[in-house]
């Protein structure tokens, strides 16, 4: 629905500003997406399949881009500007809403009935079979990797935004949001732990914790973080001991931690399955599939693997996979230079894409799309500035 509004809105802005231009980042990314789509289409044509999951990727890219343009325009109109901090605040709100909705679906039967009736996610039977938490349109690894991105954004904001670091209330709110998203997010999808670990590592190194001399602002930051951590940990222990449902959810969310404490080894059922069953490749002598794939992506039973790298090879071969990786390399590099103040974010975002494909094939372009829209000359034009800011 937002994408339908995006292109007309973009055209309207071009008329208002009497300037027709697209950023070079969007143009180059679109060109790469077209090439990737053609490779996918060639694979489906040669293999005589009708699986166009990524053969139409250029249209998927522009759906996300068009929708994100509407979002960024709306934020700009409300706030008079758009920034990394403002965008992060909105994304935190979305994640907290999804976490809250997941708990309501789990513990309030009436709410679950309403959601299941009006929101069709296509895998409800599977979710009930594996007894997994899900939000409104957010579940499994798709939700987990998006939670991971927001956790990293919170860590970067706490490390780079001077106003946030000097405001005790903001530090507490961001830290509390971090642990709520990390905790409940892991109950929904343990992929969230990837972003949680990366975010914590970034916080430690970005705030000179391992150095002998620490600035006063870093001491205050970590004091509030540690206090918030103790509060959340204490609440978690209390609920773990007193509520059977929460007990089971926490054991699932942090299965690796519990196995390490109780058995001395860090492992989970999903990582065991990933290491022993999911790394499936074409036959070594199947040169055709290795190069251009078999043109099948949507049918999981074709190769019986969730691993992103394997599924892309089976769909469009190493040629298609290489182009898709280059697509994200270019986006990360281009946005790194466009938003130098937050350049580390785009390096981490690319790392999340690559790490995520070890588990599943979730596409993270929707995050890049928001920043491509933020960098649009129309979003930053005087048309969006409040009178007092001009």
Protein backbone atom coordinates (compact mmCIF):
# COMPACT_ATOMS: atom_id res chain seq x y z
CA UNK A 1 0.00 0.00 0.00
CA UNK A 2 2.83 2.39 0.86
CA UNK A 3 4.69 1.43 -2.32
CA UNK A 4 1.67 2.44 -4.42
CA UNK A 5 1.90 5.91 -2.89
CA UNK A 6 5.67 6.18 -3.19
CA UNK A 7 6.20 6.72 -6.91
CA UNK A 8 3.41 9.31 -7.32
CA UNK A 9 4.75 11.10 -4.24
CA UNK A 10 8.23 11.12 -5.72
CA UNK A 11 6.86 12.49 -8.99
CA UNK A 12 4.92 15.17 -7.11
CA UNK A 13 8.10 16.28 -5.34
CA UNK A 14 9.97 16.44 -8.63
CA UNK A 15 7.29 18.78 -9.98
CA UNK A 16 7.37 20.95 -6.84
CA UNK A 17 11.15 21.26 -6.91
CA UNK A 18 11.33 21.48 -10.72
CA UNK A 19 14.11 18.95 -10.71
CA UNK A 20 14.10 15.38 -11.98
CA UNK A 21 16.96 13.42 -10.48
CA UNK A 22 17.63 10.11 -8.76
CA UNK A 23 20.69 9.65 -6.57
CA UNK A 24 23.54 7.74 -8.15
CA UNK A 25 23.28 5.20 -5.33
CA UNK A 26 19.73 4.31 -6.37
CA UNK A 27 20.61 4.21 -10.07
CA UNK A 28 23.65 1.96 -9.64
CA UNK A 29 21.84 -0.30 -7.17
CA UNK A 30 18.94 -0.60 -9.63
CA UNK A 31 21.33 -1.56 -12.41
CA UNK A 32 22.88 -4.32 -10.30
CA UNK A 33 19.39 -5.51 -9.28
CA UNK A 34 18.39 -5.68 -12.97
CA UNK A 35 21.44 -7.82 -13.79
CA UNK A 36 20.67 -10.10 -10.82
CA UNK A 37 17.05 -10.39 -11.96
CA UNK A 38 18.14 -11.28 -15.50
CA UNK A 39 20.38 -14.03 -14.18
CA UNK A 40 17.44 -15.41 -12.18
CA UNK A 41 15.16 -15.18 -15.18
CA UNK A 42 17.74 -16.91 -17.40
CA UNK A 43 18.00 -19.71 -14.84
CA UNK A 44 14.23 -20.23 -14.76
CA UNK A 45 14.06 -20.12 -18.57
CA UNK A 46 16.90 -22.58 -19.15
CA UNK A 47 15.57 -24.95 -16.49
CA UNK A 48 11.97 -24.55 -17.67
CA UNK A 49 10.58 -23.54 -14.26
CA UNK A 50 8.12 -20.82 -13.27
CA UNK A 51 9.74 -19.89 -9.94
CA UNK A 52 10.34 -16.15 -10.34
CA UNK A 53 11.13 -15.50 -6.66
CA UNK A 54 14.28 -13.52 -7.49
CA UNK A 55 13.86 -13.18 -11.24
CA UNK A 56 11.72 -10.14 -10.45
CA UNK A 57 14.03 -8.75 -7.79
CA UNK A 58 14.22 -5.32 -9.42
CA UNK A 59 10.48 -4.90 -8.81
CA UNK A 60 10.84 -6.08 -5.21
CA UNK A 61 13.65 -3.60 -4.71
CA UNK A 62 11.53 -0.73 -5.96
CA UNK A 63 8.53 -1.81 -3.89
CA UNK A 64 10.65 -1.51 -0.74
CA UNK A 65 12.29 1.69 -1.98
CA UNK A 66 8.98 3.31 -2.89
CA UNK A 67 7.44 2.34 0.44
CA UNK A 68 10.44 3.62 2.39
CA UNK A 69 10.24 6.92 0.51
CA UNK A 70 6.72 7.44 1.89
CA UNK A 71 7.91 6.58 5.40
CA UNK A 72 10.88 8.98 5.25
CA UNK A 73 8.72 11.74 3.77
CA UNK A 74 6.15 11.34 6.56
CA UNK A 75 8.88 11.49 9.23
CA UNK A 76 10.38 14.57 7.57
CA UNK A 77 7.03 16.33 7.50
CA UNK A 78 6.32 15.55 11.17
CA UNK A 79 9.77 16.44 12.54
CA UNK A 80 10.97 18.92 9.94
CA UNK A 81 13.94 16.63 9.30
CA UNK A 82 14.98 13.00 9.34
CA UNK A 83 18.08 11.63 11.03
CA UNK A 84 19.63 8.38 12.14
CA UNK A 85 18.36 8.98 15.68
CA UNK A 86 14.78 9.76 14.64
CA UNK A 87 14.67 6.72 12.34
CA UNK A 88 16.10 4.53 15.11
CA UNK A 89 13.43 5.78 17.52
CA UNK A 90 10.67 4.78 15.11
CA UNK A 91 12.20 1.37 14.46
CA UNK A 92 12.54 0.77 18.21
CA UNK A 93 8.83 1.55 18.51
CA UNK A 94 8.01 -0.95 15.76
CA UNK A 95 10.11 -3.68 17.40
CA UNK A 96 8.64 -3.06 20.86
CA UNK A 97 5.15 -3.21 19.33
CA UNK A 98 5.98 -6.56 17.71
CA UNK A 99 7.40 -7.90 20.99
CA UNK A 100 4.31 -6.74 22.89
CA UNK A 101 1.97 -8.20 20.28
CA UNK A 102 3.83 -11.53 20.44
CA UNK A 103 3.33 -11.71 24.22
CA UNK A 104 -0.34 -10.74 23.88
CA UNK A 105 -0.87 -13.44 21.25
CA UNK A 106 0.80 -15.96 23.55
CA UNK A 107 -0.94 -15.06 26.81
CA UNK A 108 -4.27 -13.47 25.78
CA UNK A 109 -6.41 -15.98 23.84
CA UNK A 110 -8.93 -13.35 22.67
CA UNK A 111 -6.14 -11.27 21.13
CA UNK A 112 -4.70 -14.36 19.43
CA UNK A 113 -8.09 -15.19 17.89
CA UNK A 114 -8.40 -11.67 16.42
CA UNK A 115 -4.85 -11.68 15.01
CA UNK A 116 -5.12 -15.18 13.54
CA UNK A 117 -8.42 -14.27 11.92
CA UNK A 118 -7.32 -11.07 10.21
CA UNK A 119 -3.54 -11.50 9.73
CA UNK A 120 -2.52 -14.27 7.36
CA UNK A 121 1.19 -15.06 7.59
CA UNK A 122 0.89 -18.30 5.64
CA UNK A 123 2.79 -20.42 8.20
CA UNK A 124 0.45 -20.34 11.20
CA UNK A 125 0.12 -24.14 11.31
CA UNK A 126 3.92 -24.48 11.40
CA UNK A 127 4.21 -21.86 14.17
CA UNK A 128 1.67 -23.72 16.27
CA UNK A 129 3.38 -27.04 15.58
CA UNK A 130 6.76 -25.76 16.83
CA UNK A 131 5.08 -23.62 19.54
CA UNK A 132 6.93 -20.45 18.52
CA UNK A 133 6.12 -16.87 19.54
CA UNK A 134 5.04 -14.61 16.69
CA UNK A 135 3.99 -11.00 16.31
CA UNK A 136 1.72 -9.30 13.80
CA UNK A 137 3.53 -10.13 10.57
CA UNK A 138 6.81 -10.74 12.40
CA UNK A 139 8.12 -14.19 13.16
CA UNK A 140 10.99 -16.65 12.81
CA UNK A 141 14.30 -15.51 11.34
CA UNK A 142 12.72 -12.65 9.37
CA UNK A 143 11.83 -10.99 12.67
CA UNK A 144 15.11 -12.04 14.28
CA UNK A 145 17.37 -10.40 11.71
CA UNK A 146 15.33 -7.19 11.78
CA UNK A 147 15.52 -7.11 15.57
CA UNK A 148 19.27 -7.59 15.18
CA UNK A 149 19.56 -4.52 12.95
CA UNK A 150 17.68 -2.35 15.47
CA UNK A 151 19.83 -3.61 18.36
CA UNK A 152 22.93 -2.54 16.44
CA UNK A 153 21.35 0.84 15.70
CA UNK A 154 20.70 1.36 19.43
CA UNK A 155 24.32 0.52 20.23
CA UNK A 156 25.62 2.93 17.59
CA UNK A 157 23.27 5.67 18.80
CA UNK A 158 24.43 5.25 22.42
CA UNK A 159 28.03 5.44 21.26
CA UNK A 160 27.86 8.38 18.83
CA UNK A 161 24.97 10.65 19.80
CA UNK A 162 26.27 13.19 22.33
CA UNK A 163 22.81 14.32 23.44
CA UNK A 164 21.75 10.75 24.13
CA UNK A 165 24.95 10.03 26.09
CA UNK A 166 24.43 13.11 28.27
CA UNK A 167 20.79 12.37 29.07
CA UNK A 168 20.33 9.76 31.80
CA UNK A 169 16.69 9.17 30.90
CA UNK A 170 17.51 8.57 27.22
CA UNK A 171 20.30 6.16 28.14
CA UNK A 172 17.92 4.24 30.41
CA UNK A 173 15.12 4.13 27.80
CA UNK A 174 17.47 2.98 25.03
CA UNK A 175 19.07 0.36 27.30
CA UNK A 176 15.68 -0.90 28.50
CA UNK A 177 14.47 -1.09 24.89
CA UNK A 178 17.63 -2.97 23.95
CA UNK A 179 17.08 -5.69 26.54
CA UNK A 180 13.36 -5.98 25.90
CA UNK A 181 13.94 -6.43 22.16
CA UNK A 182 16.87 -8.79 22.78
CA UNK A 183 15.00 -10.91 25.34
CA UNK A 184 11.58 -11.16 23.72
CA UNK A 185 13.15 -11.16 20.24
CA UNK A 186 15.14 -14.28 21.13
CA UNK A 187 11.93 -15.93 22.28
CA UNK A 188 10.57 -15.32 18.77
CA UNK A 189 13.78 -16.07 16.85
CA UNK A 190 17.22 -16.83 18.23
CA UNK A 191 18.72 -15.09 15.21
CA UNK A 192 18.22 -11.98 17.35
CA UNK A 193 21.22 -13.08 19.42
CA UNK A 194 23.51 -12.33 16.45
CA UNK A 195 22.63 -8.65 16.57
CA UNK A 196 22.69 -8.65 20.36
CA UNK A 197 26.25 -9.98 20.53
CA UNK A 198 27.54 -7.69 17.76
CA UNK A 199 25.86 -4.68 19.39
CA UNK A 200 27.40 -5.43 22.81
CA UNK A 201 30.85 -5.92 21.27
CA UNK A 202 30.49 -2.62 19.43
CA UNK A 203 29.42 -0.84 22.64
CA UNK A 204 32.47 -2.13 24.49
CA UNK A 205 35.00 -1.12 21.85
CA UNK A 206 33.33 2.15 20.80
CA UNK A 207 33.23 3.41 24.39
CA UNK A 208 36.83 2.54 25.31
CA UNK A 209 35.79 0.11 28.04
CA UNK A 210 38.92 -2.00 27.57
CA UNK A 211 41.24 1.04 27.90
CA UNK A 212 42.72 2.23 31.18
CA UNK A 213 41.34 5.75 30.82
CA UNK A 214 37.60 6.14 30.36
CA UNK A 215 35.84 9.46 29.84
CA UNK A 216 33.23 10.60 32.37
CA UNK A 217 30.46 10.26 29.77
CA UNK A 218 31.43 6.60 29.21
CA UNK A 219 31.40 5.93 32.97
CA UNK A 220 27.91 7.38 33.25
CA UNK A 221 26.75 5.47 30.20
CA UNK A 222 28.00 2.14 31.50
CA UNK A 223 26.73 2.77 35.01
CA UNK A 224 23.19 3.15 33.68
CA UNK A 225 23.64 0.21 31.29
CA UNK A 226 24.85 -2.03 34.13
CA UNK A 227 22.01 -0.88 36.41
CA UNK A 228 19.46 -1.55 33.68
CA UNK A 229 21.05 -4.93 33.01
CA UNK A 230 20.79 -5.91 36.68
CA UNK A 231 17.15 -4.83 36.78
CA UNK A 232 16.24 -6.81 33.66
CA UNK A 233 18.29 -9.81 34.80
CA UNK A 234 16.60 -9.75 38.19
CA UNK A 235 13.15 -9.57 36.58
CA UNK A 236 14.07 -12.42 34.23
CA UNK A 237 15.26 -14.63 37.11
CA UNK A 238 12.09 -13.89 39.08
CA UNK A 239 9.79 -14.77 36.17
CA UNK A 240 11.94 -17.82 35.32
CA UNK A 241 11.41 -19.14 38.82
CA UNK A 242 7.74 -18.24 39.23
CA UNK A 243 6.07 -18.51 35.80
CA UNK A 244 6.09 -21.82 33.93
CA UNK A 245 5.38 -20.27 30.51
CA UNK A 246 8.12 -17.66 30.86
CA UNK A 247 10.43 -20.40 32.16
CA UNK A 248 10.00 -22.36 28.93
CA UNK A 249 10.28 -19.26 26.73
CA UNK A 250 13.54 -18.19 28.39
CA UNK A 251 15.01 -21.69 28.09
CA UNK A 252 14.22 -21.65 24.38
CA UNK A 253 15.49 -18.09 23.87
CA UNK A 254 18.81 -18.71 25.60
CA UNK A 255 19.18 -22.44 25.05
CA UNK A 256 22.87 -22.07 24.25
CA UNK A 257 23.53 -20.28 27.56
CA UNK A 258 21.59 -22.86 29.60
CA UNK A 259 23.39 -25.74 27.87
CA UNK A 260 26.73 -24.07 28.60
CA UNK A 261 25.91 -23.62 32.30
CA UNK A 262 24.33 -27.05 32.76
CA UNK A 263 26.33 -29.23 30.34
CA UNK A 264 29.50 -27.23 29.70
CA UNK A 265 28.90 -26.85 25.95
CA UNK A 266 27.40 -23.99 23.94
CA UNK A 267 24.93 -25.60 21.55
CA UNK A 268 21.30 -25.46 20.46
CA UNK A 269 19.06 -27.83 18.54
CA UNK A 270 18.93 -25.43 15.59
CA UNK A 271 22.73 -25.05 15.34
CA UNK A 272 23.14 -28.83 15.57
CA UNK A 273 20.62 -29.25 12.75
CA UNK A 274 22.30 -26.50 10.75
CA UNK A 275 25.72 -28.13 11.04
CA UNK A 276 24.59 -31.67 10.29
CA UNK A 277 21.64 -31.40 7.89
CA UNK A 278 21.37 -28.01 6.21
CA UNK A 279 24.60 -27.53 4.26
CA UNK A 280 23.41 -29.13 1.04
CA UNK A 281 25.09 -28.29 -2.27
CA UNK A 282 24.62 -29.42 -5.88
CA UNK A 283 26.54 -32.52 -6.95
CA UNK A 284 30.21 -31.79 -7.61
CA UNK A 285 29.84 -32.74 -11.28
CA UNK A 286 26.67 -30.68 -11.79
CA UNK A 287 28.42 -27.74 -13.46
CA UNK A 288 25.21 -26.26 -14.83
CA UNK A 289 23.60 -25.88 -11.39
CA UNK A 290 26.82 -24.54 -9.86
CA UNK A 291 27.01 -21.85 -12.54
CA UNK A 292 23.40 -20.77 -13.20
CA UNK A 293 21.34 -22.80 -10.73
CA UNK A 294 18.26 -24.92 -11.22
CA UNK A 295 15.70 -22.11 -11.22
CA UNK A 296 13.95 -23.35 -8.06
CA UNK A 297 13.85 -21.31 -4.85
CA UNK A 298 10.36 -21.36 -3.34
CA UNK A 299 10.09 -25.15 -3.10
CA UNK A 300 11.98 -25.98 0.11
CA UNK A 301 11.63 -29.71 -0.51
CA UNK A 302 13.68 -29.39 -3.69
CA UNK A 303 16.97 -29.20 -1.78
CA UNK A 304 15.72 -29.39 1.86
CA UNK A 305 17.93 -26.58 3.11
CA UNK A 306 17.28 -23.21 4.73
CA UNK A 307 20.87 -21.99 4.31
CA UNK A 308 20.79 -18.83 2.22
CA UNK A 309 24.01 -19.51 0.34
CA UNK A 310 22.84 -23.00 -0.64
CA UNK A 311 19.40 -21.83 -1.74
CA UNK A 312 20.79 -19.02 -3.89
CA UNK A 313 23.24 -21.42 -5.55
CA UNK A 314 20.42 -23.84 -6.28
CA UNK A 315 18.32 -21.00 -7.67
CA UNK A 316 20.72 -18.91 -9.76
CA UNK A 317 24.12 -20.53 -9.29
CA UNK A 318 27.36 -18.97 -8.09
CA UNK A 319 26.99 -16.30 -10.79
CA UNK A 320 23.72 -15.07 -9.33
CA UNK A 321 24.95 -15.39 -5.74
CA UNK A 322 28.09 -13.37 -6.54
CA UNK A 323 26.03 -10.58 -8.14
CA UNK A 324 23.66 -10.50 -5.15
CA UNK A 325 26.58 -10.26 -2.72
CA UNK A 326 28.06 -7.46 -4.83
CA UNK A 327 24.68 -5.70 -4.65
CA UNK A 328 24.99 -5.44 -0.87
CA UNK A 329 28.70 -4.64 -1.03
CA UNK A 330 27.93 -1.66 -3.24
CA UNK A 331 25.04 -0.46 -1.08
CA UNK A 332 27.15 -0.71 2.08
CA UNK A 333 30.08 1.08 0.46
CA UNK A 334 27.91 3.84 -1.06
CA UNK A 335 25.94 4.53 2.13
CA UNK A 336 29.16 4.34 4.19
CA UNK A 337 30.42 7.37 2.25
CA UNK A 338 27.06 9.14 2.25
CA UNK A 339 26.59 8.87 6.03
CA UNK A 340 30.16 9.02 7.31
CA UNK A 341 29.09 9.72 10.88
CA UNK A 342 27.52 6.27 11.06
CA UNK A 343 29.80 4.46 8.65
CA UNK A 344 30.34 1.54 11.05
CA UNK A 345 26.63 0.76 10.85
CA UNK A 346 26.79 -0.09 7.16
CA UNK A 347 29.82 -2.34 7.65
CA UNK A 348 27.93 -4.18 10.42
CA UNK A 349 24.76 -4.26 8.31
CA UNK A 350 26.66 -5.99 5.50
CA UNK A 351 28.14 -8.42 8.05
CA UNK A 352 24.61 -9.19 9.28
CA UNK A 353 23.53 -9.97 5.71
CA UNK A 354 26.41 -12.40 5.25
CA UNK A 355 25.99 -14.02 8.68
CA UNK A 356 22.22 -14.29 8.24
CA UNK A 357 22.62 -16.25 5.01
CA UNK A 358 24.41 -18.96 6.99
CA UNK A 359 21.02 -19.69 8.55
CA UNK A 360 18.35 -18.43 6.11
CA UNK A 361 17.99 -16.35 2.95
CA UNK A 362 16.21 -13.31 4.46
CA UNK A 363 16.65 -10.14 2.37
CA UNK A 364 17.73 -7.02 4.30
CA UNK A 365 17.34 -4.53 1.47
CA UNK A 366 14.36 -2.96 3.28
CA UNK A 367 16.86 -1.47 5.78
CA UNK A 368 19.09 -0.12 3.02
CA UNK A 369 15.98 1.29 1.33
CA UNK A 370 15.29 3.57 4.29
CA UNK A 371 18.76 5.11 4.05
CA UNK A 372 18.59 5.41 0.27
CA UNK A 373 15.38 7.37 0.76
CA UNK A 374 16.96 9.45 3.53
CA UNK A 375 19.70 10.42 1.09
CA UNK A 376 17.21 11.56 -1.56
CA UNK A 377 17.63 15.22 -2.56
CA UNK A 378 13.88 15.69 -2.09
CA UNK A 379 13.88 14.46 1.50
CA UNK A 380 16.64 16.92 2.38
CA UNK A 381 15.20 19.84 0.42
CA UNK A 382 13.90 23.07 1.94
CA UNK A 383 10.40 21.80 1.19
CA UNK A 384 10.61 19.72 4.39
CA UNK A 385 12.22 22.22 6.74
CA UNK A 386 10.18 23.99 9.35
CA UNK A 387 10.26 27.81 9.10
CA UNK A 388 12.36 28.21 12.25
CA UNK A 389 15.00 25.82 10.88
CA UNK A 390 15.46 27.49 7.50
